[in-house]
């Protein structure tokens, strides 16, 4: 199953882009875990400098939270509708 996750960073002063990531998994939780891996690849300093891992990313001190999640690949619509960095 494919999901589109819209995410933002926990840290208020964080100037990194909000993001939309499309990830696939057998279910929502697996897709969410795969999305964390993709986001950490796109923002490598979150892992290298801040110590985030795929397991701690969603909800970690230097991680992000899910603003919204949609079933299917809505990446193009997310980019057209708002200013999100698309991670595919």
C-alpha atoms as a PDB file:
ATOM      1  CA  UNK A   1       0.000   0.000   0.000  1.00  0.00           C
ATOM      2  CA  UNK A   2       1.219   3.498  -0.806  1.00  0.00           C
ATOM      3  CA  UNK A   3       0.733   6.413   1.559  1.00  0.00           C
ATOM      4  CA  UNK A   4       1.532  10.099   1.294  1.00  0.00           C
ATOM      5  CA  UNK A   5       2.724  11.636   4.551  1.00  0.00           C
ATOM      6  CA  UNK A   6       2.808  15.377   5.132  1.00  0.00           C
ATOM      7  CA  UNK A   7       5.342  16.130   7.846  1.00  0.00           C
ATOM      8  CA  UNK A   8       6.787  19.029   9.755  1.00  0.00           C
ATOM      9  CA  UNK A   9       9.558  19.380  12.305  1.00  0.00           C
ATOM     10  CA  UNK A  10       9.016  19.424  16.073  1.00  0.00           C
ATOM     11  CA  UNK A  11      11.477  22.230  16.676  1.00  0.00           C
ATOM     12  CA  UNK A  12       9.654  25.542  16.192  1.00  0.00           C
ATOM     13  CA  UNK A  13      12.780  27.407  15.159  1.00  0.00           C
ATOM     14  CA  UNK A  14      13.664  24.766  12.568  1.00  0.00           C
ATOM     15  CA  UNK A  15      13.871  26.368   9.144  1.00  0.00           C
ATOM     16  CA  UNK A  16      14.041  23.101   7.199  1.00  0.00           C
ATOM     17  CA  UNK A  17      11.225  22.601   4.722  1.00  0.00           C
ATOM     18  CA  UNK A  18       7.985  20.958   5.630  1.00  0.00           C
ATOM     19  CA  UNK A  19       7.786  17.870   3.500  1.00  0.00           C
ATOM     20  CA  UNK A  20       5.595  15.386   1.696  1.00  0.00           C
ATOM     21  CA  UNK A  21       6.896  11.857   1.368  1.00  0.00           C
ATOM     22  CA  UNK A  22       5.373   8.955  -0.529  1.00  0.00           C
ATOM     23  CA  UNK A  23       6.205   5.579   0.941  1.00  0.00           C
ATOM     24  CA  UNK A  24       5.051   2.028   0.421  1.00  0.00           C
ATOM     25  CA  UNK A  25       4.531  -0.742   2.939  1.00  0.00           C
ATOM     26  CA  UNK A  26       2.355  -3.714   3.757  1.00  0.00           C
ATOM     27  CA  UNK A  27       0.345  -1.441   6.073  1.00  0.00           C
ATOM     28  CA  UNK A  28       0.307   2.105   7.458  1.00  0.00           C
ATOM     29  CA  UNK A  29       2.964   1.457  10.132  1.00  0.00           C
ATOM     30  CA  UNK A  30       5.423  -0.118   7.696  1.00  0.00           C
ATOM     31  CA  UNK A  31       4.887   2.699   5.185  1.00  0.00           C
ATOM     32  CA  UNK A  32       5.443   5.249   7.972  1.00  0.00           C
ATOM     33  CA  UNK A  33       8.716   3.519   8.931  1.00  0.00           C
ATOM     34  CA  UNK A  34       9.822   3.518   5.276  1.00  0.00           C
ATOM     35  CA  UNK A  35       8.914   7.208   5.044  1.00  0.00           C
ATOM     36  CA  UNK A  36      11.219   7.922   8.004  1.00  0.00           C
ATOM     37  CA  UNK A  37      14.106   6.227   6.187  1.00  0.00           C
ATOM     38  CA  UNK A  38      13.452   8.320   3.059  1.00  0.00           C
ATOM     39  CA  UNK A  39      13.261  11.591   4.996  1.00  0.00           C
ATOM     40  CA  UNK A  40      16.483  10.839   6.876  1.00  0.00           C
ATOM     41  CA  UNK A  41      18.185  10.224   3.521  1.00  0.00           C
ATOM     42  CA  UNK A  42      16.918  13.600   2.274  1.00  0.00           C
ATOM     43  CA  UNK A  43      17.935  15.372   5.502  1.00  0.00           C
ATOM     44  CA  UNK A  44      21.046  13.384   6.508  1.00  0.00           C
ATOM     45  CA  UNK A  45      22.134  15.768   9.275  1.00  0.00           C
ATOM     46  CA  UNK A  46      19.096  14.623  11.273  1.00  0.00           C
ATOM     47  CA  UNK A  47      20.824  11.276  11.667  1.00  0.00           C
ATOM     48  CA  UNK A  48      24.465  12.358  11.535  1.00  0.00           C
ATOM     49  CA  UNK A  49      24.330  15.380  13.848  1.00  0.00           C
ATOM     50  CA  UNK A  50      21.048  15.008  15.731  1.00  0.00           C
ATOM     51  CA  UNK A  51      21.129  11.243  16.241  1.00  0.00           C
ATOM     52  CA  UNK A  52      17.679  10.504  14.837  1.00  0.00           C
ATOM     53  CA  UNK A  53      17.022   6.983  13.578  1.00  0.00           C
ATOM     54  CA  UNK A  54      14.090   5.578  11.615  1.00  0.00           C
ATOM     55  CA  UNK A  55      12.753   4.257  14.930  1.00  0.00           C
ATOM     56  CA  UNK A  56      12.916   7.635  16.708  1.00  0.00           C
ATOM     57  CA  UNK A  57      12.259   9.958  13.770  1.00  0.00           C
ATOM     58  CA  UNK A  58       8.491  10.296  14.191  1.00  0.00           C
ATOM     59  CA  UNK A  59       8.317  11.945  17.577  1.00  0.00           C
ATOM     60  CA  UNK A  60      12.030  12.192  18.314  1.00  0.00           C
ATOM     61  CA  UNK A  61      13.510  15.326  19.857  1.00  0.00           C
ATOM     62  CA  UNK A  62      14.959  16.404  16.511  1.00  0.00           C
ATOM     63  CA  UNK A  63      12.442  14.541  14.408  1.00  0.00           C
ATOM     64  CA  UNK A  64       9.112  15.306  12.878  1.00  0.00           C
ATOM     65  CA  UNK A  65       5.435  14.671  13.289  1.00  0.00           C
ATOM     66  CA  UNK A  66       2.813  13.548  10.795  1.00  0.00           C
ATOM     67  CA  UNK A  67       0.566  16.477   9.909  1.00  0.00           C
ATOM     68  CA  UNK A  68      -1.566  14.312   7.636  1.00  0.00           C
ATOM     69  CA  UNK A  69      -1.451  10.921   5.964  1.00  0.00           C
ATOM     70  CA  UNK A  70      -3.331   9.881   2.848  1.00  0.00           C
ATOM     71  CA  UNK A  71      -3.791   6.533   1.191  1.00  0.00           C
ATOM     72  CA  UNK A  72      -2.174   6.560  -2.242  1.00  0.00           C
ATOM     73  CA  UNK A  73       0.451   8.668  -4.001  1.00  0.00           C
ATOM     74  CA  UNK A  74      -0.681  12.277  -3.680  1.00  0.00           C
ATOM     75  CA  UNK A  75       2.810  13.743  -3.950  1.00  0.00           C
ATOM     76  CA  UNK A  76       2.101  15.818  -7.049  1.00  0.00           C
ATOM     77  CA  UNK A  77      -1.042  17.277  -5.526  1.00  0.00           C
ATOM     78  CA  UNK A  78       0.765  18.100  -2.268  1.00  0.00           C
ATOM     79  CA  UNK A  79       3.467  19.992  -4.138  1.00  0.00           C
ATOM     80  CA  UNK A  80       0.915  21.835  -6.288  1.00  0.00           C
ATOM     81  CA  UNK A  81      -1.299  22.748  -3.323  1.00  0.00           C
ATOM     82  CA  UNK A  82       1.382  24.018  -0.947  1.00  0.00           C
ATOM     83  CA  UNK A  83       5.078  24.534  -0.457  1.00  0.00           C
ATOM     84  CA  UNK A  84       6.265  21.089   0.530  1.00  0.00           C
ATOM     85  CA  UNK A  85       9.560  19.471  -0.319  1.00  0.00           C
ATOM     86  CA  UNK A  86       8.608  16.233  -2.060  1.00  0.00           C
ATOM     87  CA  UNK A  87      10.665  13.219  -1.037  1.00  0.00           C
ATOM     88  CA  UNK A  88       9.985  10.256  -3.280  1.00  0.00           C
END
